[in-house]
PDB file of N, CA and C in Angstrom:
ATOM      1  N   MET A   1     262.299 254.100  84.208  1.00  0.00           N
ATOM      2  CA  MET A   1     263.880 253.263  83.314  1.00  0.00           C
ATOM      3  C   MET A   1     264.479 254.064  84.198  1.00  0.00           C
ATOM      4  N   GLN A   2     264.782 255.224  85.048  1.00  0.00           N
ATOM      5  CA  GLN A   2     265.649 255.539  85.470  1.00  0.00           C
ATOM      6  C   GLN A   2     266.111 254.650  86.764  1.00  0.00           C
ATOM      7  N   GLY A   3     265.156 254.111  87.575  1.00  0.00           N
ATOM      8  CA  GLY A   3     264.693 253.210  88.643  1.00  0.00           C
ATOM      9  C   GLY A   3     265.719 252.039  88.165  1.00  0.00           C
ATOM     10  N   SER A   4     265.450 251.843  86.881  1.00  0.00           N
ATOM     11  CA  SER A   4     265.701 250.493  86.243  1.00  0.00           C
ATOM     12  C   SER A   4     267.438 250.263  86.366  1.00  0.00           C
ATOM     13  N   THR A   5     267.830 251.248  85.710  1.00  0.00           N
ATOM     14  CA  THR A   5     269.364 251.816  85.370  1.00  0.00           C
ATOM     15  C   THR A   5     269.900 252.047  86.733  1.00  0.00           C
ATOM     16  N   MET A   6     269.365 252.843  87.960  1.00  0.00           N
ATOM     17  CA  MET A   6     270.244 252.821  88.861  1.00  0.00           C
ATOM     18  C   MET A   6     270.393 251.199  90.199  1.00  0.00           C
ATOM     19  N   THR A   7     269.037 250.570  89.740  1.00  0.00           N
ATOM     20  CA  THR A   7     269.433 249.493  89.982  1.00  0.00           C
ATOM     21  C   THR A   7     270.686 248.410  89.871  1.00  0.00           C
ATOM     22  N   ALA A   8     270.068 248.298  88.176  1.00  0.00           N
ATOM     23  CA  ALA A   8     271.590 247.845  87.756  1.00  0.00           C
ATOM     24  C   ALA A   8     272.632 248.322  87.692  1.00  0.00           C
ATOM     25  N   PHE A   9     273.163 249.561  88.425  1.00  0.00           N
ATOM     26  CA  PHE A   9     273.956 249.974  88.509  1.00  0.00           C
ATOM     27  C   PHE A   9     274.536 249.282  89.707  1.00  0.00           C
ATOM     28  N   SER A  10     273.670 249.579  90.810  1.00  0.00           N
ATOM     29  CA  SER A  10     273.960 249.156  91.958  1.00  0.00           C
ATOM     30  C   SER A  10     274.399 247.820  92.428  1.00  0.00           C
ATOM     31  N   VAL A  11     273.844 246.738  91.415  1.00  0.00           N
ATOM     32  CA  VAL A  11     274.454 245.182  91.748  1.00  0.00           C
ATOM     33  C   VAL A  11     275.439 245.333  91.101  1.00  0.00           C
ATOM     34  N   ALA A  12     275.801 245.756  89.726  1.00  0.00           N
ATOM     35  CA  ALA A  12     277.038 245.888  89.107  1.00  0.00           C
ATOM     36  C   ALA A  12     277.776 246.200  90.557  1.00  0.00           C
ATOM     37  N   PHE A  13     278.088 247.203  90.866  1.00  0.00           N
ATOM     38  CA  PHE A  13     278.461 247.731  91.941  1.00  0.00           C
ATOM     39  C   PHE A  13     278.545 247.088  93.218  1.00  0.00           C
ATOM     40  N   TYR A  14     277.640 246.400  93.575  1.00  0.00           N
ATOM     41  CA  TYR A  14     277.814 245.143  94.786  1.00  0.00           C
ATOM     42  C   TYR A  14     278.616 244.188  94.279  1.00  0.00           C
ATOM     43  N   TRP A  15     278.855 243.480  93.180  1.00  0.00           N
ATOM     44  CA  TRP A  15     279.470 242.626  92.823  1.00  0.00           C
ATOM     45  C   TRP A  15     280.683 242.900  92.289  1.00  0.00           C
ATOM     46  N   ILE A  16     281.380 244.304  92.070  1.00  0.00           N
ATOM     47  CA  ILE A  16     282.696 244.886  91.692  1.00  0.00           C
ATOM     48  C   ILE A  16     283.100 244.578  93.207  1.00  0.00           C
ATOM     49  N   GLY A  17     282.538 245.383  94.261  1.00  0.00           N
ATOM     50  CA  GLY A  17     282.799 245.460  95.426  1.00  0.00           C
ATOM     51  C   GLY A  17     283.233 244.257  96.354  1.00  0.00           C
ATOM     52  N   THR A  18     282.172 242.887  95.795  1.00  0.00           N
ATOM     53  CA  THR A  18     282.504 241.724  96.241  1.00  0.00           C
ATOM     54  C   THR A  18     283.779 241.558  96.053  1.00  0.00           C
ATOM     55  N   PHE A  19     284.193 241.449  94.559  1.00  0.00           N
ATOM     56  CA  PHE A  19     285.187 240.415  94.246  1.00  0.00           C
ATOM     57  C   PHE A  19     286.250 241.248  94.738  1.00  0.00           C
ATOM     58  N   ALA A  20     286.164 242.377  94.810  1.00  0.00           N
ATOM     59  CA  ALA A  20     287.306 243.077  95.155  1.00  0.00           C
ATOM     60  C   ALA A  20     287.842 242.886  96.555  1.00  0.00           C
ATOM     61  N   ILE A  21     286.856 242.846  97.307  1.00  0.00           N
ATOM     62  CA  ILE A  21     287.151 242.332  99.003  1.00  0.00           C
ATOM     63  C   ILE A  21     287.587 240.981  99.075  1.00  0.00           C
ATOM     64  N   VAL A  22     286.923 239.821  98.113  1.00  0.00           N
ATOM     65  CA  VAL A  22     287.711 238.626  97.858  1.00  0.00           C
ATOM     66  C   VAL A  22     288.859 238.504  97.340  1.00  0.00           C
ATOM     67  N   ALA A  23     289.147 239.501  96.346  1.00  0.00           N
ATOM     68  CA  ALA A  23     290.166 239.287  96.234  1.00  0.00           C
ATOM     69  C   ALA A  23     291.544 239.953  97.219  1.00  0.00           C
ATOM     70  N   ALA A  24     291.148 240.835  97.955  1.00  0.00           N
ATOM     71  CA  ALA A  24     291.846 241.128  99.147  1.00  0.00           C
ATOM     72  C   ALA A  24     292.099 240.043 100.039  1.00  0.00           C
ATOM     73  N   VAL A  25     291.145 239.630 100.118  1.00  0.00           N
ATOM     74  CA  VAL A  25     291.145 238.425 101.354  1.00  0.00           C
ATOM     75  C   VAL A  25     292.546 237.458 100.930  1.00  0.00           C
ATOM     76  N   VAL A  26     291.986 237.008  99.656  1.00  0.00           N
ATOM     77  CA  VAL A  26     292.853 235.979  99.175  1.00  0.00           C
ATOM     78  C   VAL A  26     294.196 236.200  98.793  1.00  0.00           C
ATOM     79  N   ASN A  27     294.407 237.775  98.045  1.00  0.00           N
ATOM     80  CA  ASN A  27     295.611 237.900  98.156  1.00  0.00           C
ATOM     81  C   ASN A  27     296.409 238.063  99.669  1.00  0.00           C
ATOM     82  N   SER A  28     295.895 238.166 100.525  1.00  0.00           N
ATOM     83  CA  SER A  28     296.514 238.577 101.847  1.00  0.00           C
ATOM     84  C   SER A  28     296.615 237.211 102.472  1.00  0.00           C
ATOM     85  N   ALA A  29     295.964 236.709 102.294  1.00  0.00           N
ATOM     86  CA  ALA A  29     295.945 235.175 102.786  1.00  0.00           C
ATOM     87  C   ALA A  29     297.049 234.366 102.160  1.00  0.00           C
ATOM     88  N   GLY A  30     297.624 234.547 100.715  1.00  0.00           N
ATOM     89  CA  GLY A  30     298.673 234.150  99.955  1.00  0.00           C
ATOM     90  C   GLY A  30     299.906 234.564 100.699  1.00  0.00           C
ATOM     91  N   ILE A  31     299.886 236.097 100.830  1.00  0.00           N
ATOM     92  CA  ILE A  31     300.862 236.701 101.316  1.00  0.00           C
ATOM     93  C   ILE A  31     301.741 235.623 102.503  1.00  0.00           C
ATOM     94  N   VAL A  32     300.487 235.485 103.329  1.00  0.00           N
ATOM     95  CA  VAL A  32     300.658 235.233 104.849  1.00  0.00           C
ATOM     96  C   VAL A  32     301.040 233.909 104.524  1.00  0.00           C
ATOM     97  N   ALA A  33     300.694 232.835 103.663  1.00  0.00           N
ATOM     98  CA  ALA A  33     301.025 231.479 103.673  1.00  0.00           C
ATOM     99  C   ALA A  33     302.340 231.800 102.847  1.00  0.00           C
ATOM    100  N   ILE A  34     302.833 232.113 102.036  1.00  0.00           N
ATOM    101  CA  ILE A  34     304.197 232.413 101.004  1.00  0.00           C
ATOM    102  C   ILE A  34     304.907 233.061 102.274  1.00  0.00           C
ATOM    103  N   PHE A  35     304.587 233.844 103.181  1.00  0.00           N
ATOM    104  CA  PHE A  35     305.875 234.486 104.130  1.00  0.00           C
ATOM    105  C   PHE A  35     305.873 233.062 105.195  1.00  0.00           C
ATOM    106  N   ARG A  36     305.101 232.622 105.501  1.00  0.00           N
ATOM    107  CA  ARG A  36     305.177 231.459 106.585  1.00  0.00           C
ATOM    108  C   ARG A  36     305.806 230.335 106.573  1.00  0.00           C
ATOM    109  N   HIS A  37     306.033 229.884 104.674  1.00  0.00           N
ATOM    110  CA  HIS A  37     306.600 229.295 104.323  1.00  0.00           C
ATOM    111  C   HIS A  37     307.894 229.268 103.869  1.00  0.00           C
ATOM    112  N   ARG A  38     308.040 230.448 103.405  1.00  0.00           N
ATOM    113  CA  ARG A  38     309.321 230.695 103.327  1.00  0.00           C
ATOM    114  C   ARG A  38     310.460 230.744 104.872  1.00  0.00           C
ATOM    115  N   GLU A  39     308.945 231.431 105.539  1.00  0.00           N
ATOM    116  CA  GLU A  39     310.339 231.509 107.100  1.00  0.00           C
ATOM    117  C   GLU A  39     310.501 229.818 107.701  1.00  0.00           C
ATOM    118  N   TRP A  40     309.620 229.200 107.551  1.00  0.00           N
ATOM    119  CA  TRP A  40     309.555 227.334 107.737  1.00  0.00           C
ATOM    120  C   TRP A  40     311.160 227.088 107.051  1.00  0.00           C
ATOM    121  N   ALA A  41     310.696 227.452 105.462  1.00  0.00           N
ATOM    122  CA  ALA A  41     312.043 226.568 104.761  1.00  0.00           C
ATOM    123  C   ALA A  41     313.154 227.172 105.306  1.00  0.00           C
ATOM    124  N   GLU A  42     313.689 228.321 105.569  1.00  0.00           N
ATOM    125  CA  GLU A  42     314.584 229.085 106.038  1.00  0.00           C
ATOM    126  C   GLU A  42     315.430 228.112 106.973  1.00  0.00           C
ATOM    127  N   ARG A  43     314.603 227.411 108.060  1.00  0.00           N
ATOM    128  CA  ARG A  43     314.800 226.570 108.863  1.00  0.00           C
ATOM    129  C   ARG A  43     315.692 225.544 108.670  1.00  0.00           C
TER     130      ARG A  43
END
């Protein structure tokens, strides 16, 4: 039973980590896109 709990925790931690990485990448891409668009709009 303890092994099952550890596995469930591992899967949950994996999904949280994956979501955090994806969110960070999307956030960085959004910042870069806004920065480039703002720089282009100023011209």
